[in-house]
Amino acid sequence: MIRFYNGLTLEPGGVTENEVWVDGSAISYVGPAREDVPAFTRQIDLGGDLLMPGFKDAHTHSGMTFLRSAADDLPLQEWLEKQVFPREAKLTPESLTAFVKVAFLEYLANGITACFDMYFFPDQFVQVAMDWGFRAVMCESLTAGDDPSRVYERYEKYNAVSPLVGYRLGFHAEYTNGIETFKTVAEAAHHFKAPVWCHNSETVSEVRDCVARHGMTPTKLFDSLGLYDYGGGGYHCIYMTDEDLDIFARRGLTAVLNACSNGKLASGTFRLREAVEKGVNLAVGTDGPASNNALDMFREMYLINIMAKLREGNAAAGDPALILNAAVSGGARAMGLADCDAIAPGKQADLVRVDMHRPNMRPVNNVVKNLVYSGDPSNVRLTMIAGRVLYEDGQFYVGEDPEKVYRTAEEYTRQILG
């Protein structure tokens, strides 16, 4: 058992001074100090630091680390068609494994305890997650030319392989698929009674072209085909109409916000005020390391709030507490990780220690606002997943030498980029 004490805890009710005990993979106790303590294998004196649930990166493409700073400064469609797709065609299972490892190291150092990934070579992705003890959920990434019926086999296979791994139905986007793919995925959703996910309304042209093809926005099209009958949601969701937001609210869907990627690609800004007013569920994701370029949930939260202010022309717009909750608990709910959303007895011990003694966190006038407006990955001192410490004070405990991981990834990057 592990005991965290003498610090702050970010719980559903707010910031408290409770102790947290971890037994195996789960939290066994949250509350004031007690005299009847069991025999702990380790006791961690937080020294005033904050213990919080880990960030859930609710939309990312982990394997794209090889394109970090190699495919920049272009609008989305040109970026995809000229920089990304041709280079992705050169990926192999071996190279993907190397690139995913780099992303997982970055997640751990940044306090991210789970990712909602959409990319290639799922067997290799899953193996790294299981070998390292990282929590990962995959979203199916169907595009034109793929056999959509593969979702049946993958759903059953990857949802049974490990408690750390999950698989969700989905497809890349409306503009990369045909109507038959949507129908097949909808049938699978009804078969498994499962949610469906995809990129949705990321650009003006995406929505305009969908309306030209189908007479409906992507959201309305997907809803009309029964894709949302068991929930799910979309990534980006920038150019949503009022009717689209109403569909999301009525269906209990989640919009995953990706402010850094949307800003870097000049795609646009999310309608945060309207979505909140309509009761749309929110989560936060980084998108991939080629479009962001960092896997950093701190700056995502910051930019989401800042862009909301700019969009409204109102410095009072945005809500740090709401966005922090979206980055932690909202992402867990979106990914189907109901036991990873909070610090509470019985929940999974997916925890992060935040250094409250660095100058960017002082004075401690408001812990939540410090996290959102001034926090950064340098504040992360420890990352625990399922009760295992995988990162602490600059050291990784994943069973591999990070420098070797970097060298291997660099070698494969040179092979692909030339």
Protein backbone atom coordinates (compact mmCIF):
# COMPACT_ATOMS: atom_id res chain seq x y z
CA MET A 1 0.00 0.00 0.00
CA ILE A 2 1.05 3.60 -0.68
CA ARG A 3 0.14 6.59 1.45
CA PHE A 4 0.06 10.21 0.21
CA TYR A 5 -0.12 12.66 3.09
CA ASN A 6 0.59 16.25 4.19
CA GLY A 7 -0.69 17.85 1.01
CA LEU A 8 -3.70 19.04 -0.92
CA THR A 9 -6.06 16.82 -2.89
CA LEU A 10 -8.26 17.78 -5.83
CA GLU A 11 -11.50 15.92 -5.20
CA PRO A 12 -15.01 16.23 -6.70
CA GLY A 13 -15.96 18.61 -3.90
CA GLY A 14 -12.94 20.86 -4.38
CA VAL A 15 -9.45 21.18 -2.96
CA THR A 16 -9.02 19.62 0.50
CA GLU A 17 -6.21 18.49 2.78
CA ASN A 18 -7.10 14.80 2.89
CA GLU A 19 -4.76 11.83 2.82
CA VAL A 20 -5.03 9.32 -0.03
CA TRP A 21 -4.20 5.63 0.35
CA VAL A 22 -3.62 3.34 -2.60
CA ASP A 23 -4.03 -0.43 -2.35
CA GLY A 24 -3.05 -2.29 -5.50
CA SER A 25 -4.50 -0.46 -8.49
CA ALA A 26 -7.22 1.39 -6.60
CA ILE A 27 -7.72 4.15 -4.06
CA SER A 28 -8.68 2.62 -0.71
CA TYR A 29 -9.04 5.67 1.52
CA VAL A 30 -9.54 9.43 1.20
CA GLY A 31 -9.87 11.43 4.37
CA PRO A 32 -8.15 13.01 7.35
CA ALA A 33 -5.09 11.46 8.99
CA ARG A 34 -5.83 8.40 11.10
CA GLU A 35 -3.99 6.66 13.91
CA ASP A 36 -5.03 3.14 12.86
CA VAL A 37 -2.83 3.06 9.78
CA PRO A 38 -1.88 -0.19 8.06
CA ALA A 39 1.63 -1.22 7.10
CA PHE A 40 2.46 0.84 4.01
CA THR A 41 5.09 -0.20 1.50
CA ARG A 42 5.74 3.48 0.83
CA GLN A 43 4.68 6.74 2.41
CA ILE A 44 4.93 9.90 0.29
CA ASP A 45 5.06 13.19 2.16
CA LEU A 46 3.57 15.67 -0.31
CA GLY A 47 5.00 18.59 1.64
CA GLY A 48 2.12 20.82 0.62
CA ASP A 49 1.98 19.65 -3.01
CA LEU A 50 -1.29 18.88 -4.78
CA LEU A 51 -2.48 15.35 -5.58
CA MET A 52 -4.98 15.34 -8.45
CA PRO A 53 -6.53 12.85 -10.87
CA GLY A 54 -4.43 12.46 -13.99
CA PHE A 55 -5.24 14.37 -17.16
CA LYS A 56 -7.10 12.40 -19.83
CA ASP A 57 -5.95 13.34 -23.32
CA ALA A 58 -9.29 12.76 -25.01
CA HIS A 59 -8.09 13.13 -28.59
CA THR A 60 -4.63 12.40 -29.89
CA HIS A 61 -2.60 10.58 -32.53
CA SER A 62 0.33 9.29 -30.49
CA GLY A 63 2.29 7.78 -33.37
CA MET A 64 2.63 11.14 -35.11
CA THR A 65 5.63 12.14 -32.98
CA PHE A 66 7.81 11.57 -36.07
CA LEU A 67 6.14 14.57 -37.71
CA ARG A 68 6.69 16.95 -34.81
CA SER A 69 8.04 20.22 -36.31
CA ALA A 70 8.34 18.53 -39.71
CA ALA A 71 4.89 19.39 -41.08
CA ASP A 72 4.03 22.85 -39.91
CA ASP A 73 2.44 26.15 -40.93
CA LEU A 74 -0.15 24.93 -43.42
CA PRO A 75 -3.99 24.90 -43.40
CA LEU A 76 -5.58 21.57 -42.49
CA GLN A 77 -6.34 20.07 -45.91
CA GLU A 78 -3.00 21.05 -47.44
CA TRP A 79 -1.24 19.89 -44.30
CA LEU A 80 -2.94 16.49 -44.50
CA GLU A 81 -2.66 15.90 -48.22
CA LYS A 82 0.88 17.21 -48.83
CA GLN A 83 2.68 16.61 -45.54
CA VAL A 84 0.92 13.96 -43.51
CA PHE A 85 -0.71 11.32 -45.72
CA PRO A 86 2.34 10.71 -47.99
CA ARG A 87 4.66 10.27 -45.01
CA GLU A 88 2.23 8.13 -43.03
CA ALA A 89 2.21 5.73 -45.97
CA LYS A 90 5.82 4.88 -45.06
CA LEU A 91 5.03 3.85 -41.50
CA THR A 92 5.74 0.28 -40.40
CA PRO A 93 4.72 -1.59 -37.25
CA GLU A 94 8.30 -1.24 -35.96
CA SER A 95 8.51 2.50 -36.54
CA LEU A 96 5.06 3.08 -35.09
CA THR A 97 6.13 1.29 -31.92
CA ALA A 98 9.09 3.63 -31.54
CA PHE A 99 7.03 6.75 -32.13
CA VAL A 100 4.30 5.70 -29.68
CA LYS A 101 6.91 5.20 -26.95
CA VAL A 102 8.07 8.79 -27.35
CA ALA A 103 4.48 9.99 -26.97
CA PHE A 104 3.89 7.85 -23.88
CA LEU A 105 6.99 9.32 -22.22
CA GLU A 106 5.68 12.79 -22.94
CA TYR A 107 2.25 11.92 -21.56
CA LEU A 108 3.77 10.64 -18.32
CA ALA A 109 6.06 13.64 -17.85
CA ASN A 110 3.06 15.93 -18.44
CA GLY A 111 0.70 14.28 -15.96
CA ILE A 112 -1.44 12.50 -18.56
CA THR A 113 -2.61 9.10 -17.31
CA ALA A 114 -4.74 8.03 -20.28
CA CYS A 115 -5.07 8.86 -23.96
CA PHE A 116 -7.88 8.45 -26.49
CA ASP A 117 -5.84 7.55 -29.54
CA MET A 118 -6.73 7.33 -33.23
CA TYR A 119 -3.99 5.94 -35.46
CA PHE A 120 -2.51 2.91 -37.19
CA PHE A 121 -1.16 -0.53 -36.20
CA PRO A 122 -3.34 -1.18 -33.15
CA ASP A 123 -1.51 -4.38 -32.16
CA GLN A 124 1.75 -2.49 -31.67
CA PHE A 125 0.04 0.39 -29.87
CA VAL A 126 -1.67 -2.00 -27.47
CA GLN A 127 1.55 -3.89 -26.78
CA VAL A 128 3.40 -0.76 -25.72
CA ALA A 129 0.52 0.25 -23.43
CA MET A 130 0.49 -3.17 -21.75
CA ASP A 131 4.29 -3.45 -21.51
CA TRP A 132 4.64 -0.02 -19.92
CA GLY A 133 1.45 0.03 -17.85
CA PHE A 134 -0.05 3.03 -19.63
CA ARG A 135 -3.82 3.41 -19.90
CA ALA A 136 -4.95 3.78 -23.51
CA VAL A 137 -8.24 3.74 -25.38
CA MET A 138 -8.27 3.44 -29.16
CA CYS A 139 -10.81 4.97 -31.49
CA GLU A 140 -11.28 3.24 -34.84
CA SER A 141 -9.84 5.33 -37.68
CA LEU A 142 -11.64 4.04 -40.78
CA THR A 143 -11.00 5.85 -44.04
CA ALA A 144 -12.02 5.13 -47.63
CA GLY A 145 -10.55 1.81 -48.74
CA ASP A 146 -10.67 0.22 -45.30
CA ASP A 147 -13.04 -2.66 -44.65
CA PRO A 148 -15.52 -1.19 -42.17
CA SER A 149 -16.60 -4.63 -40.99
CA ARG A 150 -13.28 -4.94 -39.16
CA VAL A 151 -14.80 -2.98 -36.29
CA TYR A 152 -16.65 -6.08 -35.08
CA GLU A 153 -13.50 -8.15 -34.59
CA ARG A 154 -11.50 -5.25 -33.18
CA TYR A 155 -14.21 -4.26 -30.71
CA GLU A 156 -14.28 -7.73 -29.19
CA LYS A 157 -10.52 -8.26 -29.36
CA TYR A 158 -9.18 -5.03 -27.91
CA ASN A 159 -11.85 -4.59 -25.23
CA ALA A 160 -10.83 -7.95 -23.77
CA VAL A 161 -7.04 -7.78 -23.99
CA SER A 162 -6.18 -5.82 -20.82
CA PRO A 163 -7.80 -3.66 -18.11
CA LEU A 164 -5.49 -0.87 -19.32
CA VAL A 165 -6.71 -1.00 -22.93
CA GLY A 166 -10.00 -0.11 -24.55
CA TYR A 167 -11.44 0.26 -28.05
CA ARG A 168 -14.27 2.50 -29.26
CA LEU A 169 -16.18 2.49 -32.51
CA GLY A 170 -15.52 5.32 -34.93
CA PHE A 171 -14.04 6.52 -38.21
CA HIS A 172 -11.68 9.28 -39.26
CA ALA A 173 -14.19 11.85 -40.57
CA GLU A 174 -17.09 12.41 -42.92
CA TYR A 175 -14.85 13.70 -45.71
CA THR A 176 -12.59 10.62 -45.69
CA ASN A 177 -15.41 8.05 -45.83
CA GLY A 178 -18.53 7.13 -47.76
CA ILE A 179 -22.08 6.50 -46.64
CA GLU A 180 -21.64 2.72 -46.54
CA THR A 181 -18.95 3.07 -43.88
CA PHE A 182 -21.27 5.14 -41.74
CA LYS A 183 -24.06 2.57 -42.10
CA THR A 184 -21.77 -0.31 -41.15
CA VAL A 185 -20.47 1.53 -38.07
CA ALA A 186 -24.04 2.43 -37.10
CA GLU A 187 -25.00 -1.25 -37.33
CA ALA A 188 -22.03 -2.13 -35.12
CA ALA A 189 -23.05 0.58 -32.63
CA HIS A 190 -26.48 -0.99 -32.35
CA HIS A 191 -25.03 -4.50 -32.14
CA PHE A 192 -22.69 -3.60 -29.26
CA LYS A 193 -24.87 -0.77 -27.88
CA ALA A 194 -21.72 1.31 -28.08
CA PRO A 195 -20.77 4.98 -28.63
CA VAL A 196 -19.24 6.30 -31.87
CA TRP A 197 -16.49 8.90 -32.33
CA CYS A 198 -14.89 10.85 -35.19
CA HIS A 199 -13.41 14.18 -36.25
CA ASN A 200 -16.39 16.49 -36.65
CA SER A 201 -16.82 19.99 -38.07
CA GLU A 202 -13.17 20.93 -37.77
CA THR A 203 -13.15 23.38 -40.71
CA VAL A 204 -15.56 25.53 -42.68
CA SER A 205 -14.91 23.54 -45.86
CA GLU A 206 -15.60 20.22 -44.10
CA VAL A 207 -19.08 21.35 -43.10
CA ARG A 208 -19.79 23.15 -46.38
CA ASP A 209 -18.80 20.14 -48.48
CA CYS A 210 -20.79 17.74 -46.31
CA VAL A 211 -23.90 19.88 -46.75
CA ALA A 212 -23.28 19.89 -50.51
CA ARG A 213 -22.99 16.09 -50.58
CA HIS A 214 -25.72 15.13 -48.15
CA GLY A 215 -27.86 18.21 -47.53
CA MET A 216 -26.92 18.08 -43.84
CA THR A 217 -24.09 19.01 -41.52
CA PRO A 218 -21.87 16.12 -40.37
CA THR A 219 -23.57 16.03 -36.96
CA LYS A 220 -27.07 15.92 -38.42
CA LEU A 221 -25.99 13.30 -40.98
CA PHE A 222 -24.49 11.03 -38.33
CA ASP A 223 -27.53 11.41 -36.11
CA SER A 224 -29.90 10.61 -38.98
CA LEU A 225 -28.01 7.34 -39.60
CA GLY A 226 -28.28 6.21 -35.96
CA LEU A 227 -24.58 6.60 -35.23
CA TYR A 228 -25.32 8.48 -32.01
CA ASP A 229 -28.06 6.23 -30.66
CA TYR A 230 -25.71 4.96 -27.94
CA GLY A 231 -23.68 8.11 -27.40
CA GLY A 232 -20.17 9.12 -28.37
CA GLY A 233 -19.14 12.48 -29.69
CA GLY A 234 -16.70 14.35 -31.86
CA TYR A 235 -13.25 15.84 -31.93
CA HIS A 236 -12.80 19.60 -32.58
CA CYS A 237 -16.50 20.46 -33.21
CA ILE A 238 -15.68 24.05 -34.15
CA TYR A 239 -18.26 24.83 -36.83
CA MET A 240 -21.33 23.47 -35.06
CA THR A 241 -24.71 25.00 -35.77
CA ASP A 242 -27.23 25.57 -32.99
CA GLU A 243 -29.03 22.44 -34.20
CA ASP A 244 -25.77 20.47 -34.03
CA LEU A 245 -25.20 21.57 -30.43
CA ASP A 246 -28.79 20.66 -29.60
CA ILE A 247 -28.20 17.17 -30.98
CA PHE A 248 -25.06 16.83 -28.85
CA ALA A 249 -26.94 17.95 -25.76
CA ARG A 250 -29.97 15.76 -26.40
CA ARG A 251 -27.89 12.66 -27.17
CA GLY A 252 -25.49 13.21 -24.28
CA LEU A 253 -22.56 13.47 -26.69
CA THR A 254 -19.16 14.93 -25.82
CA ALA A 255 -17.30 17.63 -27.73
CA VAL A 256 -13.55 17.21 -27.31
CA LEU A 257 -11.80 20.59 -27.43
CA ASN A 258 -8.39 20.92 -29.14
CA ALA A 259 -7.55 24.60 -28.91
CA CYS A 260 -3.82 24.43 -29.67
CA SER A 261 -4.21 22.35 -32.83
CA ASN A 262 -7.17 24.46 -33.97
CA GLY A 263 -5.17 27.63 -33.46
CA LYS A 264 -1.99 26.35 -35.09
CA LEU A 265 -3.90 25.17 -38.17
CA ALA A 266 -6.02 28.37 -38.11
CA SER A 267 -9.12 26.18 -38.11
CA GLY A 268 -11.19 28.28 -35.74
CA THR A 269 -12.45 28.48 -32.16
CA PHE A 270 -15.02 26.37 -30.33
CA ARG A 271 -18.39 27.89 -29.36
CA LEU A 272 -17.75 27.35 -25.66
CA ARG A 273 -20.41 29.66 -24.24
CA GLU A 274 -23.18 28.28 -26.43
CA ALA A 275 -22.15 24.67 -25.77
CA VAL A 276 -22.12 25.20 -22.01
CA GLU A 277 -25.48 26.97 -22.09
CA LYS A 278 -26.99 24.02 -23.96
CA GLY A 279 -25.45 21.49 -21.58
CA VAL A 280 -23.02 19.81 -23.96
CA ASN A 281 -20.50 17.48 -22.31
CA LEU A 282 -16.89 18.63 -22.73
CA ALA A 283 -13.48 16.96 -22.74
CA VAL A 284 -10.01 18.17 -23.69
CA GLY A 285 -7.42 16.68 -26.05
CA THR A 286 -4.11 17.72 -27.51
CA ASP A 287 -4.62 16.29 -31.00
CA GLY A 288 -1.39 14.87 -32.43
CA PRO A 289 2.21 16.02 -31.99
CA ALA A 290 2.30 17.07 -35.64
CA SER A 291 -0.58 19.52 -35.41
CA ASN A 292 -0.03 20.85 -31.90
CA ASN A 293 3.05 20.17 -31.48
CA ALA A 294 3.12 19.34 -27.76
CA LEU A 295 1.14 16.82 -25.76
CA ASP A 296 0.50 19.33 -23.01
CA MET A 297 -2.87 19.56 -21.29
CA PHE A 298 -1.86 22.61 -19.27
CA ARG A 299 -1.57 24.82 -22.31
CA GLU A 300 -4.72 23.28 -23.81
CA MET A 301 -6.69 24.39 -20.76
CA TYR A 302 -5.10 27.82 -20.84
CA LEU A 303 -5.79 28.39 -24.53
CA ILE A 304 -9.37 27.11 -24.35
CA ASN A 305 -10.14 29.78 -21.77
CA ILE A 306 -8.20 32.50 -23.57
CA MET A 307 -9.84 31.76 -26.92
CA ALA A 308 -13.26 31.85 -25.28
CA LYS A 309 -12.50 35.37 -24.05
CA LEU A 310 -11.30 36.49 -27.47
CA ARG A 311 -14.27 34.93 -29.22
CA GLU A 312 -16.73 36.70 -26.93
CA GLY A 313 -14.75 39.92 -26.60
CA ASN A 314 -15.29 39.47 -22.90
CA ALA A 315 -12.56 38.99 -20.31
CA ALA A 316 -15.10 37.28 -18.03
CA ALA A 317 -15.76 34.50 -20.56
CA GLY A 318 -14.34 31.04 -19.96
CA ASP A 319 -14.40 29.02 -16.78
CA PRO A 320 -11.13 27.52 -15.43
CA ALA A 321 -12.92 25.11 -13.08
CA LEU A 322 -15.15 23.86 -15.89
CA ILE A 323 -12.21 23.29 -18.23
CA LEU A 324 -10.09 21.60 -15.56
CA ASN A 325 -12.98 19.26 -14.92
CA ALA A 326 -13.27 18.61 -18.66
CA ALA A 327 -9.54 17.82 -18.86
CA VAL A 328 -9.73 15.34 -16.00
CA SER A 329 -13.20 13.92 -15.43
CA GLY A 330 -14.82 14.84 -18.75
CA GLY A 331 -12.13 12.98 -20.65
CA ALA A 332 -12.52 9.93 -18.43
CA ARG A 333 -16.25 9.82 -19.07
CA ALA A 334 -15.74 10.30 -22.81
CA MET A 335 -13.29 7.41 -22.93
CA GLY A 336 -15.51 5.12 -20.87
CA LEU A 337 -13.13 5.20 -17.89
CA ALA A 338 -15.74 5.62 -15.18
CA ASP A 339 -13.33 4.44 -12.47
CA CYS A 340 -10.63 6.95 -13.40
CA ASP A 341 -12.49 10.25 -13.13
CA ALA A 342 -11.87 11.33 -9.54
CA ILE A 343 -10.00 10.85 -6.28
CA ALA A 344 -12.44 8.75 -4.27
CA PRO A 345 -12.41 5.31 -2.60
CA GLY A 346 -12.78 2.52 -5.14
CA LYS A 347 -11.56 4.64 -8.05
CA GLN A 348 -8.46 3.67 -9.98
CA ALA A 349 -5.25 5.19 -8.64
CA ASP A 350 -4.43 7.28 -11.71
CA LEU A 351 -2.84 10.17 -9.86
CA VAL A 352 -0.53 13.12 -10.43
CA ARG A 353 1.55 15.07 -7.93
CA VAL A 354 1.76 18.76 -8.77
CA ASP A 355 4.65 20.77 -7.35
CA MET A 356 3.15 23.73 -5.52
CA HIS A 357 6.57 25.12 -4.54
CA ARG A 358 7.63 26.35 -7.96
CA PRO A 359 7.30 30.11 -8.46
CA ASN A 360 4.58 29.80 -11.11
CA MET A 361 2.25 28.30 -8.49
CA ARG A 362 2.79 30.98 -5.85
CA PRO A 363 1.05 32.56 -4.10
CA VAL A 364 -1.67 29.96 -3.68
CA ASN A 365 -4.64 32.28 -3.99
CA ASN A 366 -6.63 29.84 -6.12
CA VAL A 367 -5.31 26.35 -6.83
CA VAL A 368 -7.62 25.69 -9.79
CA LYS A 369 -6.79 28.96 -11.52
CA ASN A 370 -3.09 28.40 -10.89
CA LEU A 371 -3.34 25.03 -12.62
CA VAL A 372 -5.18 26.44 -15.64
CA TYR A 373 -3.55 29.84 -16.08
CA SER A 374 0.01 29.34 -14.84
CA GLY A 375 0.63 25.62 -14.52
CA ASP A 376 2.86 23.72 -16.94
CA PRO A 377 4.45 20.25 -17.20
CA SER A 378 7.42 21.36 -15.09
CA ASN A 379 5.04 21.22 -12.13
CA VAL A 380 4.45 17.48 -12.56
CA ARG A 381 6.51 15.57 -10.00
CA LEU A 382 4.85 12.15 -10.12
CA THR A 383 2.51 10.25 -12.42
CA MET A 384 0.85 7.05 -11.22
CA ILE A 385 -1.37 4.74 -13.28
CA ALA A 386 -3.32 1.87 -11.71
CA GLY A 387 -1.27 2.25 -8.54
CA ARG A 388 2.12 2.13 -10.27
CA VAL A 389 4.50 5.08 -10.25
CA LEU A 390 5.65 5.40 -13.88
CA TYR A 391 7.26 8.83 -13.60
CA GLU A 392 8.75 10.66 -10.66
CA ASP A 393 11.04 13.67 -10.38
CA GLY A 394 12.38 13.41 -13.93
CA GLN A 395 12.81 9.61 -13.94
CA PHE A 396 10.72 7.15 -15.93
CA TYR A 397 9.87 3.69 -14.56
CA VAL A 398 8.66 1.95 -17.70
CA GLY A 399 11.35 -0.71 -18.09
CA GLU A 400 13.22 1.05 -20.91
CA ASP A 401 15.95 3.65 -21.18
CA PRO A 402 14.38 6.88 -22.50
CA GLU A 403 17.57 7.80 -24.37
CA LYS A 404 17.40 4.52 -26.28
CA VAL A 405 13.75 5.19 -27.04
CA TYR A 406 14.66 8.60 -28.45
CA ARG A 407 17.54 7.24 -30.56
CA THR A 408 15.38 4.53 -32.08
CA ALA A 409 12.65 7.00 -32.93
CA GLU A 410 15.18 9.38 -34.49
CA GLU A 411 16.51 6.59 -36.71
CA TYR A 412 13.07 5.71 -38.00
CA THR A 413 12.25 9.40 -38.49
CA ARG A 414 15.29 9.85 -40.72
CA GLN A 415 14.27 6.83 -42.76
CA ILE A 416 10.79 8.22 -43.35
CA LEU A 417 11.56 11.89 -43.82
CA GLY A 418 14.82 11.41 -45.67
